[in-house]
Amino acid sequence: MNTGTRTFTVRDELYARGQFAKHLSPGDVRLESSAAQNGVADVVHRTRGGGCTAVLGNGAGVGADRRVRMSVGGRTFVVTVPTGSFATYRWTR
């Protein structure tokens, strides 16, 4: 926070924490995660209700939107994660 100009900035890691806080609950269990590949990292959790939640983050450089193929329970879909963004996907079994 800049008290002289009365402005503030949000640190980048708060966006990731916000995704997890909004979409995960106590008791959810991490199933899998991967280090960044082509700028996109992910983590998948099983929810207490038996569904799954995947959070993907694109840390690639400016203008580097990334297409990601998700395969879950025999279903496959392709999503685009914009540069500098997080995307969250939830599904039930």
Protein backbone atom coordinates (compact mmCIF):
# COMPACT_ATOMS: atom_id res chain seq x y z
CA MET A 1 0.00 0.00 0.00
CA ASN A 2 1.22 3.45 -0.90
CA THR A 3 -0.04 5.76 1.83
CA GLY A 4 1.08 8.85 -0.09
CA THR A 5 -1.11 8.13 -3.11
CA ARG A 6 -3.66 5.99 -1.23
CA THR A 7 -3.28 3.16 -3.75
CA PHE A 8 -2.46 -0.50 -3.35
CA THR A 9 -1.48 -3.47 -5.44
CA VAL A 10 -2.35 -7.14 -4.93
CA ARG A 11 0.52 -9.60 -4.88
CA ASP A 12 0.28 -12.26 -7.60
CA GLU A 13 0.17 -15.23 -5.21
CA LEU A 14 -3.10 -13.97 -3.74
CA TYR A 15 -4.94 -14.80 -6.98
CA ALA A 16 -3.90 -18.46 -6.68
CA ARG A 17 -4.89 -18.59 -3.02
CA GLY A 18 -8.24 -17.08 -3.92
CA GLN A 19 -8.94 -19.88 -6.42
CA PHE A 20 -8.21 -22.54 -3.83
CA ALA A 21 -10.15 -20.76 -1.08
CA LYS A 22 -13.20 -20.30 -3.30
CA HIS A 23 -13.36 -23.78 -4.81
CA LEU A 24 -11.90 -26.15 -2.19
CA SER A 25 -13.13 -27.10 1.27
CA PRO A 26 -11.59 -28.74 4.34
CA GLY A 27 -11.54 -32.48 3.73
CA ASP A 28 -10.81 -32.24 -0.01
CA VAL A 29 -7.78 -34.36 -0.93
CA ARG A 30 -5.08 -33.55 -3.48
CA LEU A 31 -4.94 -36.28 -6.11
CA GLU A 32 -2.33 -35.02 -8.51
CA SER A 33 -0.33 -31.97 -9.48
CA SER A 34 2.27 -31.13 -12.08
CA ALA A 35 5.05 -28.64 -12.44
CA ALA A 36 4.59 -26.02 -15.11
CA GLN A 37 4.75 -27.36 -18.67
CA ASN A 38 4.68 -24.69 -21.37
CA GLY A 39 3.83 -22.24 -18.59
CA VAL A 40 0.78 -24.11 -17.21
CA ALA A 41 0.80 -25.82 -13.82
CA ASP A 42 -2.12 -27.72 -12.34
CA VAL A 43 -3.43 -29.39 -9.21
CA VAL A 44 -6.45 -31.70 -8.95
CA HIS A 45 -8.39 -32.43 -5.74
CA ARG A 46 -11.12 -34.94 -4.92
CA THR A 47 -13.94 -33.21 -3.09
CA ARG A 48 -15.70 -34.61 -0.04
CA GLY A 49 -18.74 -35.22 -2.25
CA GLY A 50 -16.74 -37.46 -4.60
CA GLY A 51 -16.29 -34.95 -7.42
CA CYS A 52 -13.06 -33.35 -8.56
CA THR A 53 -11.72 -29.82 -8.83
CA ALA A 54 -8.79 -28.83 -11.06
CA VAL A 55 -7.02 -25.49 -10.75
CA LEU A 56 -4.75 -24.51 -13.66
CA GLY A 57 -2.45 -21.51 -13.70
CA ASN A 58 -0.81 -20.01 -16.78
CA GLY A 59 2.41 -18.26 -15.85
CA ALA A 60 3.66 -18.01 -19.44
CA GLY A 61 4.73 -14.66 -20.85
CA VAL A 62 2.47 -11.95 -22.23
CA GLY A 63 0.31 -13.08 -25.13
CA ALA A 64 0.88 -16.77 -24.40
CA ASP A 65 -2.63 -18.16 -23.95
CA ARG A 66 -2.35 -21.94 -23.60
CA ARG A 67 -4.69 -24.70 -24.77
CA VAL A 68 -4.85 -27.60 -22.32
CA ARG A 69 -6.45 -31.02 -22.84
CA MET A 70 -8.15 -32.39 -19.73
CA SER A 71 -9.00 -36.11 -19.48
CA VAL A 72 -11.30 -37.17 -16.68
CA GLY A 73 -13.12 -40.47 -16.27
CA GLY A 74 -13.10 -41.25 -19.98
CA ARG A 75 -14.18 -37.73 -20.93
CA THR A 76 -11.84 -35.29 -22.63
CA PHE A 77 -12.18 -31.57 -23.17
CA VAL A 78 -9.88 -28.77 -24.28
CA VAL A 79 -9.71 -25.41 -22.52
CA THR A 80 -7.76 -22.23 -23.10
CA VAL A 81 -6.09 -20.64 -20.08
CA PRO A 82 -5.26 -16.97 -20.75
CA THR A 83 -1.80 -15.61 -19.93
CA GLY A 84 -1.37 -14.72 -16.26
CA SER A 85 -4.68 -16.34 -15.32
CA PHE A 86 -6.07 -19.16 -13.24
CA ALA A 87 -8.89 -21.40 -14.41
CA THR A 88 -10.89 -23.73 -12.19
CA TYR A 89 -12.93 -26.70 -13.41
CA ARG A 90 -15.25 -28.82 -11.27
CA TRP A 91 -17.03 -32.03 -12.18
CA THR A 92 -18.93 -34.84 -10.52
CA ARG A 93 -18.40 -38.51 -11.08
